[in-house]
Each structure stands twice: as structure tokens, then as C-alpha cells.
C-alpha atoms as a PDB file:
ATOM      1  CA  MET A   1       5.969  -7.413  43.476  1.00  0.00           C
ATOM      2  CA  GLY A   2       4.870  -3.756  43.719  1.00  0.00           C
ATOM      3  CA  SER A   3       5.699  -1.162  46.300  1.00  0.00           C
ATOM      4  CA  GLY A   4       2.123  -0.099  47.019  1.00  0.00           C
ATOM      5  CA  ILE A   5       2.842   3.316  45.502  1.00  0.00           C
ATOM      6  CA  TYR A   6       2.303   2.151  41.963  1.00  0.00           C
ATOM      7  CA  THR A   7      -0.576  -0.105  41.031  1.00  0.00           C
ATOM      8  CA  ARG A   8      -0.433  -0.046  37.223  1.00  0.00           C
ATOM      9  CA  THR A   9      -4.237   0.267  37.227  1.00  0.00           C
ATOM     10  CA  GLY A  10      -4.062   3.730  35.644  1.00  0.00           C
ATOM     11  CA  ASP A  11      -1.762   2.789  32.785  1.00  0.00           C
ATOM     12  CA  ALA A  12      -4.679   2.709  30.335  1.00  0.00           C
ATOM     13  CA  GLY A  13      -5.753   6.286  31.130  1.00  0.00           C
ATOM     14  CA  THR A  14      -8.373   5.626  33.795  1.00  0.00           C
ATOM     15  CA  THR A  15      -8.494   6.121  37.530  1.00  0.00           C
ATOM     16  CA  ALA A  16     -10.782   4.899  40.300  1.00  0.00           C
ATOM     17  CA  LEU A  17     -13.394   6.925  42.118  1.00  0.00           C
ATOM     18  CA  LEU A  18     -13.952   6.361  45.829  1.00  0.00           C
ATOM     19  CA  ASP A  19     -16.469   3.575  45.135  1.00  0.00           C
ATOM     20  CA  GLY A  20     -14.122   1.806  42.690  1.00  0.00           C
ATOM     21  CA  THR A  21     -15.808   3.041  39.502  1.00  0.00           C
ATOM     22  CA  ARG A  22     -13.169   3.685  36.819  1.00  0.00           C
ATOM     23  CA  VAL A  23     -13.322   6.919  34.832  1.00  0.00           C
ATOM     24  CA  PRO A  24     -11.004   8.615  32.326  1.00  0.00           C
ATOM     25  CA  LYS A  25      -8.214  10.626  33.957  1.00  0.00           C
ATOM     26  CA  HIS A  26      -9.475  13.687  32.081  1.00  0.00           C
ATOM     27  CA  ALA A  27     -13.064  13.366  33.383  1.00  0.00           C
ATOM     28  CA  PRO A  28     -14.499  16.571  34.923  1.00  0.00           C
ATOM     29  CA  ARG A  29     -14.566  14.963  38.363  1.00  0.00           C
ATOM     30  CA  ILE A  30     -10.857  14.111  38.116  1.00  0.00           C
ATOM     31  CA  GLU A  31     -10.036  17.595  36.803  1.00  0.00           C
ATOM     32  CA  ALA A  32     -11.709  19.013  39.921  1.00  0.00           C
ATOM     33  CA  LEU A  33      -9.826  16.550  42.131  1.00  0.00           C
ATOM     34  CA  GLY A  34      -6.533  17.525  40.496  1.00  0.00           C
ATOM     35  CA  ALA A  35      -7.106  21.225  41.083  1.00  0.00           C
ATOM     36  CA  VAL A  36      -7.913  20.636  44.769  1.00  0.00           C
ATOM     37  CA  ASP A  37      -4.790  18.488  45.050  1.00  0.00           C
ATOM     38  CA  GLU A  38      -2.751  21.368  43.628  1.00  0.00           C
ATOM     39  CA  ILE A  39      -4.133  23.747  46.270  1.00  0.00           C
ATOM     40  CA  CYS A  40      -3.032  21.344  48.993  1.00  0.00           C
ATOM     41  CA  SER A  41       0.450  21.141  47.480  1.00  0.00           C
ATOM     42  CA  TRP A  42       0.801  24.923  47.272  1.00  0.00           C
ATOM     43  CA  LEU A  43      -0.431  25.204  50.867  1.00  0.00           C
ATOM     44  CA  GLY A  44       2.241  22.740  51.938  1.00  0.00           C
ATOM     45  CA  ALA A  45       4.884  24.800  50.155  1.00  0.00           C
ATOM     46  CA  ALA A  46       3.618  28.019  51.758  1.00  0.00           C
ATOM     47  CA  ARG A  47       3.534  26.469  55.227  1.00  0.00           C
ATOM     48  CA  ALA A  48       7.216  25.604  54.876  1.00  0.00           C
ATOM     49  CA  PHE A  49       7.919  29.359  54.969  1.00  0.00           C
ATOM     50  CA  CYS A  50       5.512  30.259  57.796  1.00  0.00           C
ATOM     51  CA  GLU A  51       6.413  30.722  61.436  1.00  0.00           C
ATOM     52  CA  ASP A  52       3.311  32.529  62.694  1.00  0.00           C
ATOM     53  CA  ARG A  53       1.206  30.120  64.799  1.00  0.00           C
ATOM     54  CA  LEU A  54      -2.172  31.579  63.746  1.00  0.00           C
ATOM     55  CA  LEU A  55      -1.265  31.329  60.067  1.00  0.00           C
ATOM     56  CA  LEU A  56       0.096  27.787  60.441  1.00  0.00           C
ATOM     57  CA  ASP A  57      -2.996  26.589  62.318  1.00  0.00           C
ATOM     58  CA  VAL A  58      -5.424  28.112  59.823  1.00  0.00           C
ATOM     59  CA  LEU A  59      -3.537  26.737  56.825  1.00  0.00           C
ATOM     60  CA  GLU A  60      -3.330  23.282  58.431  1.00  0.00           C
ATOM     61  CA  PHE A  61      -7.104  23.297  58.990  1.00  0.00           C
ATOM     62  CA  ALA A  62      -7.736  24.488  55.425  1.00  0.00           C
ATOM     63  CA  GLY A  63      -5.498  21.743  54.050  1.00  0.00           C
ATOM     64  CA  GLN A  64      -7.310  19.086  56.073  1.00  0.00           C
ATOM     65  CA  ARG A  65     -10.715  20.261  54.870  1.00  0.00           C
ATOM     66  CA  LEU A  66      -9.473  20.556  51.295  1.00  0.00           C
ATOM     67  CA  TYR A  67      -8.682  16.845  51.495  1.00  0.00           C
ATOM     68  CA  ASN A  68     -12.340  16.373  52.434  1.00  0.00           C
ATOM     69  CA  CYS A  69     -13.168  18.338  49.267  1.00  0.00           C
ATOM     70  CA  SER A  70     -10.952  15.910  47.341  1.00  0.00           C
ATOM     71  CA  SER A  71     -12.929  13.018  48.774  1.00  0.00           C
ATOM     72  CA  VAL A  72     -16.139  14.677  47.629  1.00  0.00           C
ATOM     73  CA  ALA A  73     -14.621  15.143  44.170  1.00  0.00           C
ATOM     74  CA  VAL A  74     -13.915  11.414  43.861  1.00  0.00           C
ATOM     75  CA  SER A  75     -17.288  10.359  45.250  1.00  0.00           C
ATOM     76  CA  PRO A  76     -19.948   9.947  42.584  1.00  0.00           C
ATOM     77  CA  ALA A  77     -23.431  11.145  43.519  1.00  0.00           C
ATOM     78  CA  GLY A  78     -25.399   8.233  44.915  1.00  0.00           C
ATOM     79  CA  GLY A  79     -22.194   6.228  45.431  1.00  0.00           C
ATOM     80  CA  THR A  80     -21.879   3.516  48.018  1.00  0.00           C
ATOM     81  CA  VAL A  81     -19.001   5.172  49.924  1.00  0.00           C
ATOM     82  CA  ALA A  82     -19.582   8.448  51.746  1.00  0.00           C
ATOM     83  CA  ALA A  83     -16.872  11.102  51.645  1.00  0.00           C
ATOM     84  CA  PRO A  84     -15.881  13.018  54.792  1.00  0.00           C
ATOM     85  CA  PRO A  85     -18.136  16.075  54.864  1.00  0.00           C
ATOM     86  CA  ILE A  86     -17.574  19.799  54.668  1.00  0.00           C
ATOM     87  CA  SER A  87     -19.899  21.588  57.082  1.00  0.00           C
ATOM     88  CA  VAL A  88     -21.353  25.029  57.499  1.00  0.00           C
ATOM     89  CA  ALA A  89     -19.207  25.245  60.661  1.00  0.00           C
ATOM     90  CA  ASP A  90     -16.120  24.767  58.450  1.00  0.00           C
ATOM     91  CA  VAL A  91     -17.221  27.697  56.276  1.00  0.00           C
ATOM     92  CA  GLU A  92     -17.864  29.802  59.388  1.00  0.00           C
ATOM     93  CA  PHE A  93     -14.379  28.989  60.712  1.00  0.00           C
ATOM     94  CA  VAL A  94     -12.844  30.187  57.442  1.00  0.00           C
ATOM     95  CA  GLU A  95     -14.822  33.428  57.694  1.00  0.00           C
ATOM     96  CA  ARG A  96     -13.609  33.959  61.282  1.00  0.00           C
ATOM     97  CA  ALA A  97     -10.021  33.319  60.173  1.00  0.00           C
ATOM     98  CA  ILE A  98     -10.356  35.915  57.408  1.00  0.00           C
ATOM     99  CA  ASP A  99     -11.657  38.387  60.001  1.00  0.00           C
ATOM    100  CA  ARG A 100      -8.687  37.624  62.291  1.00  0.00           C
ATOM    101  CA  PHE A 101      -6.225  38.173  59.446  1.00  0.00           C
ATOM    102  CA  GLU A 102      -7.882  41.484  58.572  1.00  0.00           C
ATOM    103  CA  GLU A 103      -7.513  42.637  62.188  1.00  0.00           C
ATOM    104  CA  ARG A 104      -3.779  42.699  61.421  1.00  0.00           C
ATOM    105  CA  THR A 105      -3.823  43.835  57.778  1.00  0.00           C
ATOM    106  CA  GLY A 106      -6.743  46.239  57.840  1.00  0.00           C
ATOM    107  CA  ALA A 107      -9.507  46.288  55.290  1.00  0.00           C
ATOM    108  CA  LEU A 108      -8.620  46.049  51.631  1.00  0.00           C
ATOM    109  CA  ALA A 109      -8.035  49.550  50.216  1.00  0.00           C
ATOM    110  CA  ALA A 110      -6.793  48.767  46.692  1.00  0.00           C
ATOM    111  CA  PHE A 111      -6.195  45.900  44.297  1.00  0.00           C
ATOM    112  CA  VAL A 112      -3.221  43.862  45.502  1.00  0.00           C
ATOM    113  CA  LEU A 113      -0.560  42.376  43.252  1.00  0.00           C
ATOM    114  CA  PRO A 114       0.565  38.859  44.165  1.00  0.00           C
ATOM    115  CA  GLY A 115       3.937  38.717  45.854  1.00  0.00           C
ATOM    116  CA  GLY A 116       5.739  39.801  48.966  1.00  0.00           C
ATOM    117  CA  ASN A 117       7.594  37.266  51.052  1.00  0.00           C
ATOM    118  CA  ARG A 118       7.890  33.600  50.060  1.00  0.00           C
ATOM    119  CA  ALA A 119       4.874  32.416  52.028  1.00  0.00           C
ATOM    120  CA  ALA A 120       2.678  35.190  50.643  1.00  0.00           C
ATOM    121  CA  GLY A 121       3.775  34.532  47.069  1.00  0.00           C
ATOM    122  CA  LEU A 122       2.948  30.845  47.417  1.00  0.00           C
ATOM    123  CA  LEU A 123      -0.388  31.627  49.060  1.00  0.00           C
ATOM    124  CA  HIS A 124      -1.302  33.837  46.110  1.00  0.00           C
ATOM    125  CA  VAL A 125      -0.577  30.895  43.779  1.00  0.00           C
ATOM    126  CA  ALA A 126      -2.728  28.659  46.011  1.00  0.00           C
ATOM    127  CA  ARG A 127      -5.517  31.261  45.801  1.00  0.00           C
ATOM    128  CA  ALA A 128      -5.425  31.263  41.994  1.00  0.00           C
ATOM    129  CA  VAL A 129      -5.473  27.463  41.912  1.00  0.00           C
ATOM    130  CA  CYS A 130      -8.345  27.467  44.425  1.00  0.00           C
ATOM    131  CA  ARG A 131     -10.373  29.618  42.069  1.00  0.00           C
ATOM    132  CA  ARG A 132      -9.650  27.149  39.276  1.00  0.00           C
ATOM    133  CA  ALA A 133     -10.743  24.258  41.489  1.00  0.00           C
ATOM    134  CA  GLU A 134     -13.946  26.096  42.260  1.00  0.00           C
ATOM    135  CA  ARG A 135     -14.602  26.611  38.532  1.00  0.00           C
ATOM    136  CA  ARG A 136     -13.949  22.905  37.905  1.00  0.00           C
ATOM    137  CA  LEU A 137     -16.356  21.860  40.649  1.00  0.00           C
ATOM    138  CA  TRP A 138     -19.040  24.258  39.386  1.00  0.00           C
ATOM    139  CA  SER A 139     -18.589  22.775  35.927  1.00  0.00           C
ATOM    140  CA  LEU A 140     -19.033  19.313  37.428  1.00  0.00           C
ATOM    141  CA  ALA A 141     -22.098  20.536  39.368  1.00  0.00           C
ATOM    142  CA  GLU A 142     -23.759  21.423  36.061  1.00  0.00           C
ATOM    143  CA  ARG A 143     -23.585  17.714  35.108  1.00  0.00           C
ATOM    144  CA  GLU A 144     -23.749  15.884  38.428  1.00  0.00           C
ATOM    145  CA  GLU A 145     -24.753  16.525  42.004  1.00  0.00           C
ATOM    146  CA  VAL A 146     -22.061  18.260  44.089  1.00  0.00           C
ATOM    147  CA  ASP A 147     -22.563  19.203  47.732  1.00  0.00           C
ATOM    148  CA  GLU A 148     -23.364  22.928  47.781  1.00  0.00           C
ATOM    149  CA  VAL A 149     -21.435  23.452  51.029  1.00  0.00           C
ATOM    150  CA  VAL A 150     -18.267  22.214  49.293  1.00  0.00           C
ATOM    151  CA  LEU A 151     -18.764  24.843  46.591  1.00  0.00           C
ATOM    152  CA  VAL A 152     -19.253  27.562  49.223  1.00  0.00           C
ATOM    153  CA  PHE A 153     -16.218  26.304  51.168  1.00  0.00           C
ATOM    154  CA  LEU A 154     -13.978  26.543  48.095  1.00  0.00           C
ATOM    155  CA  ASN A 155     -15.243  30.048  47.414  1.00  0.00           C
ATOM    156  CA  ARG A 156     -14.364  31.078  50.981  1.00  0.00           C
ATOM    157  CA  CYS A 157     -11.005  29.319  50.730  1.00  0.00           C
ATOM    158  CA  SER A 158      -9.947  31.527  47.830  1.00  0.00           C
ATOM    159  CA  ASP A 159     -10.834  34.539  50.009  1.00  0.00           C
ATOM    160  CA  LEU A 160      -8.993  32.947  52.930  1.00  0.00           C
ATOM    161  CA  LEU A 161      -5.842  32.400  50.895  1.00  0.00           C
ATOM    162  CA  PHE A 162      -5.894  36.010  49.700  1.00  0.00           C
ATOM    163  CA  ALA A 163      -6.303  37.242  53.289  1.00  0.00           C
ATOM    164  CA  ALA A 164      -3.611  34.796  54.443  1.00  0.00           C
ATOM    165  CA  ALA A 165      -1.160  36.130  51.841  1.00  0.00           C
ATOM    166  CA  ARG A 166      -1.775  39.692  53.031  1.00  0.00           C
ATOM    167  CA  TYR A 167      -1.374  38.519  56.637  1.00  0.00           C
ATOM    168  CA  ALA A 168       1.877  36.683  55.832  1.00  0.00           C
ATOM    169  CA  ASN A 169       3.271  39.894  54.384  1.00  0.00           C
ATOM    170  CA  ALA A 170       2.082  41.913  57.386  1.00  0.00           C
ATOM    171  CA  VAL A 171       3.733  39.634  59.956  1.00  0.00           C
ATOM    172  CA  ALA A 172       6.928  39.772  57.857  1.00  0.00           C
ATOM    173  CA  GLY A 173       6.839  43.574  57.993  1.00  0.00           C
ATOM    174  CA  LYS A 174       5.880  43.996  54.343  1.00  0.00           C
ATOM    175  CA  GLY A 175       2.830  45.812  53.105  1.00  0.00           C
ATOM    176  CA  ASP A 176       0.643  45.014  50.154  1.00  0.00           C
ATOM    177  CA  ALA A 177       2.023  45.583  46.669  1.00  0.00           C
ATOM    178  CA  ARG A 178      -0.776  47.717  45.295  1.00  0.00           C
ATOM    179  CA  TRP A 179      -1.785  47.720  41.670  1.00  0.00           C
ATOM    180  CA  ASP A 180      -0.936  51.008  39.964  1.00  0.00           C
ATOM    181  CA  PRO A 181      -2.469  51.114  36.475  1.00  0.00           C
ATOM    182  CA  GLU A 182      -0.583  54.368  35.783  1.00  0.00           C
ATOM    183  CA  ARG A 183       2.827  53.186  36.957  1.00  0.00           C
ATOM    184  CA  PRO A 184       5.491  54.813  34.824  1.00  0.00           C
ATOM    185  CA  ILE A 185       7.818  52.700  32.707  1.00  0.00           C
ATOM    186  CA  PRO A 186      10.989  52.154  34.770  1.00  0.00           C
ATOM    187  CA  GLU A 187      14.450  53.227  33.699  1.00  0.00           C
ATOM    188  CA  ILE A 188      16.507  50.127  32.917  1.00  0.00           C
END
């Protein structure tokens, strides 16, 4: 008798799409799903170090909608089961959130190195993974139909996570770590 966590159905290297179709675990659609799943995990880690209500609410919303993106990733075009949608209103919310974060941080004045406090560091990792997920979904879109709004949403999410990392540093009293291509070699 199984626990419900393990099914043994993937032991041969395949996994099920939303409609039950089995595909290899390394299929482009599953690679995209995996990258979106990683974003959600990094967001969960970052949220564990956040106390700011605006940041927590925005990251919670982003995580919820990223799960919708996961559903789209495991839904073959023309499938019999519809995934929860991503809407233009979702993209507009993300844009408003970026604007709110920039009210606190100010406009970007230089290239920013990842880092700062714990939440910001984790959000920068989530941003990098989000860009990978976007690349994976664009790669899939070259072969199969992918909802264009999902692609736009992921693009905005990488911007959101960058702005959120800057915001997390600002509310913690830290500024951006700016890239200095001429930084002298330190004495060690």
C-alpha cells in the first residue's frame, strides 16, 4: 500500500501531463515545468526571510500565478483538461508591483550585483531561475503552442523579482551592491 506521495509511475523515466499523456521526464515541456517549480521553491525560501507586508503579498501572488504557469507547462496544446489561466490583468498587477517597489528604491542607476540581505539574495536566485524558465518555455513555444500571456508573465516576473530584491534590501536598510568593473583587487 502506497502513501499517495509516491506512485511508482515515473520509475521508467516518464511523467504524466495534465491530461494523463506520459512523456519523458527530460521532455521540453517537463524542463519548463521544472524551472517554474524551482522559482516557486526559491520564492518560498525568500518569503521565509521577509517581514514587509507589501513584499509578502506580492510574492504570494506571484507564487500562486507561477503555479498557474506550471499547469500551463503540463497542459499539451489541444488537451482535454484546461489549465488555470494567466491573464493580462495578472501581468498588469506585476507591473504595478514593480512600480510600487521602485517608489521605495528609486529608479535603477547602475548594474546591481546579486546579494544583500537573505531575502534579497534568494530573490536574485529566483530571478535567475525565472529567466531560465522563460527560456525553456520559449524553446517549447518553438515546437508547440504556448499561451503568449504566460510568456509575457514570466518575462515580467523576472523583472518583478529583481525589483523585489532591491526592495527587500531597501526595507532592510541596505542599498544596492553596484557593479564596479574597475574595482581594485583587495588586500588579503
